[in-house]
Protein backbone atom coordinates (compact mmCIF):
# COMPACT_ATOMS: atom_id res chain seq x y z
CA MET A 1 0.00 0.00 0.00
CA SER A 2 1.44 3.39 -0.97
CA ASP A 3 1.58 6.37 1.40
CA GLY A 4 -1.25 8.02 -0.56
CA ASP A 5 -3.46 4.95 -0.01
CA SER A 6 -3.04 5.11 3.77
CA ARG A 7 -4.27 8.69 3.94
CA GLY A 8 -7.82 9.77 4.64
CA PRO A 9 -10.25 11.09 2.00
CA GLN A 10 -9.02 14.03 -0.02
CA VAL A 11 -10.43 17.47 0.83
CA ASP A 12 -12.25 19.06 -2.13
CA SER A 13 -10.18 21.60 -4.04
CA ALA A 14 -12.84 24.29 -3.60
CA GLU A 15 -12.52 24.23 0.20
CA ASP A 16 -10.68 26.86 2.21
CA LEU A 17 -8.47 25.71 5.05
CA TYR A 18 -7.63 27.42 8.36
CA ARG A 19 -4.21 26.97 9.93
CA ALA A 20 -3.55 28.19 13.47
CA LEU A 21 0.01 29.47 13.55
CA ILE A 22 0.98 28.92 17.18
CA VAL A 23 4.73 29.59 17.01
CA SER A 24 5.98 33.17 16.73
CA GLU A 25 8.69 32.05 14.26
CA TRP A 26 5.89 31.10 11.86
CA TRP A 27 5.13 34.84 11.51
CA ASP A 28 7.09 37.75 10.04
CA LEU A 29 6.51 40.09 12.98
CA LYS A 30 8.65 42.86 11.44
CA THR A 31 5.78 43.78 9.12
CA ASP A 32 2.66 45.66 10.16
CA PRO A 33 0.37 43.80 10.12
CA PRO A 34 2.33 40.55 10.63
CA ARG A 35 2.58 38.22 7.63
CA VAL A 36 2.97 34.48 7.42
CA SER A 37 6.48 33.10 7.28
CA PRO A 38 7.16 30.22 4.85
CA PHE A 39 8.58 28.37 7.86
CA ALA A 40 4.97 27.68 8.93
CA PHE A 41 4.63 25.25 6.02
CA LYS A 42 8.01 23.56 5.87
CA VAL A 43 8.60 22.46 9.45
CA HIS A 44 6.20 19.50 9.69
CA SER A 45 4.56 17.14 7.23
CA PRO A 46 1.78 16.63 7.70
CA PHE A 47 0.54 19.79 9.36
CA SER A 48 -2.93 20.29 10.84
CA VAL A 49 -5.69 22.47 9.44
CA ASN A 50 -9.42 22.88 9.87
CA VAL A 51 -11.76 22.87 6.88
CA ALA A 52 -13.47 26.29 6.88
CA SER A 53 -16.89 25.07 5.72
CA ARG A 54 -17.03 22.58 8.60
CA ILE A 55 -15.84 24.83 11.43
CA GLY A 56 -16.38 28.47 10.40
CA LEU A 57 -14.12 31.30 11.55
CA LYS A 58 -15.85 31.61 14.94
CA GLY A 59 -15.38 27.89 15.49
CA ALA A 60 -11.72 28.05 14.44
CA VAL A 61 -11.06 30.90 16.88
CA HIS A 62 -12.92 29.01 19.63
CA HIS A 63 -10.88 25.88 18.88
CA MET A 64 -7.65 27.88 19.01
CA GLU A 65 -8.54 29.60 22.29
CA GLN A 66 -10.49 26.95 24.22
CA VAL A 67 -9.19 23.64 22.88
CA LEU A 68 -5.58 24.43 21.96
CA HIS A 69 -5.31 27.00 24.78
CA CYS A 70 -3.46 29.40 22.48
CA PRO A 71 -5.45 32.67 22.63
CA ASP A 72 -2.61 34.90 21.37
CA VAL A 73 -1.81 33.13 18.12
CA GLY A 74 -3.19 33.87 14.68
CA ILE A 75 -5.08 31.99 12.00
CA VAL A 76 -4.52 32.05 8.26
CA SER A 77 -6.71 30.82 5.44
CA PHE A 78 -5.71 29.34 2.09
CA ASN A 79 -7.49 27.49 -0.69
CA CYS A 80 -7.06 23.73 -0.83
CA GLY A 81 -6.84 23.62 -4.64
CA GLU A 82 -4.17 26.31 -4.76
CA ALA A 83 -2.20 24.41 -2.12
CA ARG A 84 -2.62 21.16 -4.06
CA ALA A 85 -1.16 22.87 -7.15
CA LEU A 86 1.96 23.44 -5.01
CA GLU A 87 1.99 19.71 -4.07
CA PHE A 88 0.35 20.12 -0.64
CA ASP A 89 -2.32 17.42 -0.28
CA ALA A 90 -5.11 17.99 2.29
CA ARG A 91 -6.80 14.87 3.70
CA TYR A 92 -9.63 14.47 6.19
CA GLU A 93 -8.05 12.65 9.10
CA LEU A 94 -8.78 12.31 12.79
CA ASP A 95 -6.86 14.53 15.18
CA LEU A 96 -5.82 12.00 17.81
CA GLN A 97 -5.35 14.74 20.42
CA HIS A 98 -8.78 16.27 19.72
CA PRO A 99 -10.96 13.51 18.21
CA ALA A 100 -14.21 15.52 18.54
CA ASN A 101 -12.99 18.01 15.90
CA GLU A 102 -14.78 16.87 12.74
CA ALA A 103 -13.29 19.74 10.70
CA HIS A 104 -9.71 18.48 11.09
CA ALA A 105 -7.51 17.59 8.14
CA ASN A 106 -3.81 16.93 7.67
CA VAL A 107 -1.85 18.53 4.86
CA TYR A 108 1.01 16.52 3.40
CA TYR A 109 3.78 17.84 1.19
CA ASP A 110 4.27 15.47 -1.75
CA GLY A 111 6.93 17.37 -3.68
CA SER A 112 10.67 16.91 -3.59
CA ASN A 113 12.77 18.16 -0.70
CA SER A 114 14.61 20.46 -3.08
CA ARG A 115 11.33 22.24 -3.96
CA ARG A 116 9.87 22.33 -0.44
CA LYS A 117 11.29 25.75 0.51
CA ARG A 118 9.92 27.33 -2.67
CA ALA A 119 6.51 25.66 -2.27
CA ALA A 120 6.30 26.81 1.36
CA ARG A 121 7.09 30.39 0.32
CA GLN A 122 4.45 30.28 -2.42
CA LEU A 123 1.83 28.89 -0.04
CA ALA A 124 2.66 31.55 2.57
CA GLU A 125 2.14 34.23 -0.10
CA LYS A 126 -1.34 32.84 -0.85
CA CYS A 127 -2.42 32.96 2.81
CA VAL A 128 -4.95 35.47 4.09
CA VAL A 129 -4.63 36.36 7.77
CA VAL A 130 -8.11 35.93 9.26
CA CYS A 131 -7.11 36.35 12.92
CA GLN A 132 -4.08 38.50 13.78
CA PRO A 133 -1.56 37.13 16.28
CA GLN A 134 -1.06 38.98 19.56
CA PHE A 135 2.56 37.97 20.28
């Protein structure tokens, strides 16, 4: 069985995804307002997201504050199809730490290691900050 076969169902390309950026190094805090650093997308594979249509922005903020206990971090949004074009593959998968979250998905990077830095930068550029960090 290939790695792709062991993954959960693919998230539809039309979906928007929310990523809570909980580490200050995942932000460029020298800009006003802060922007996303490419480092947010190249440190872990897979990385966790919430599917916007399943959780909504209010739900994502609630999850960040009440479930993750990270009230000062920010949330970004990006389109699943645009991410997939950069070789990031979003899959519906259970969050073992928070199994009640039905909006959870993991995003895998399927490109080569030599292209990962560029893909992460391109994905960061596509992000829209929907909740500013308070670091």
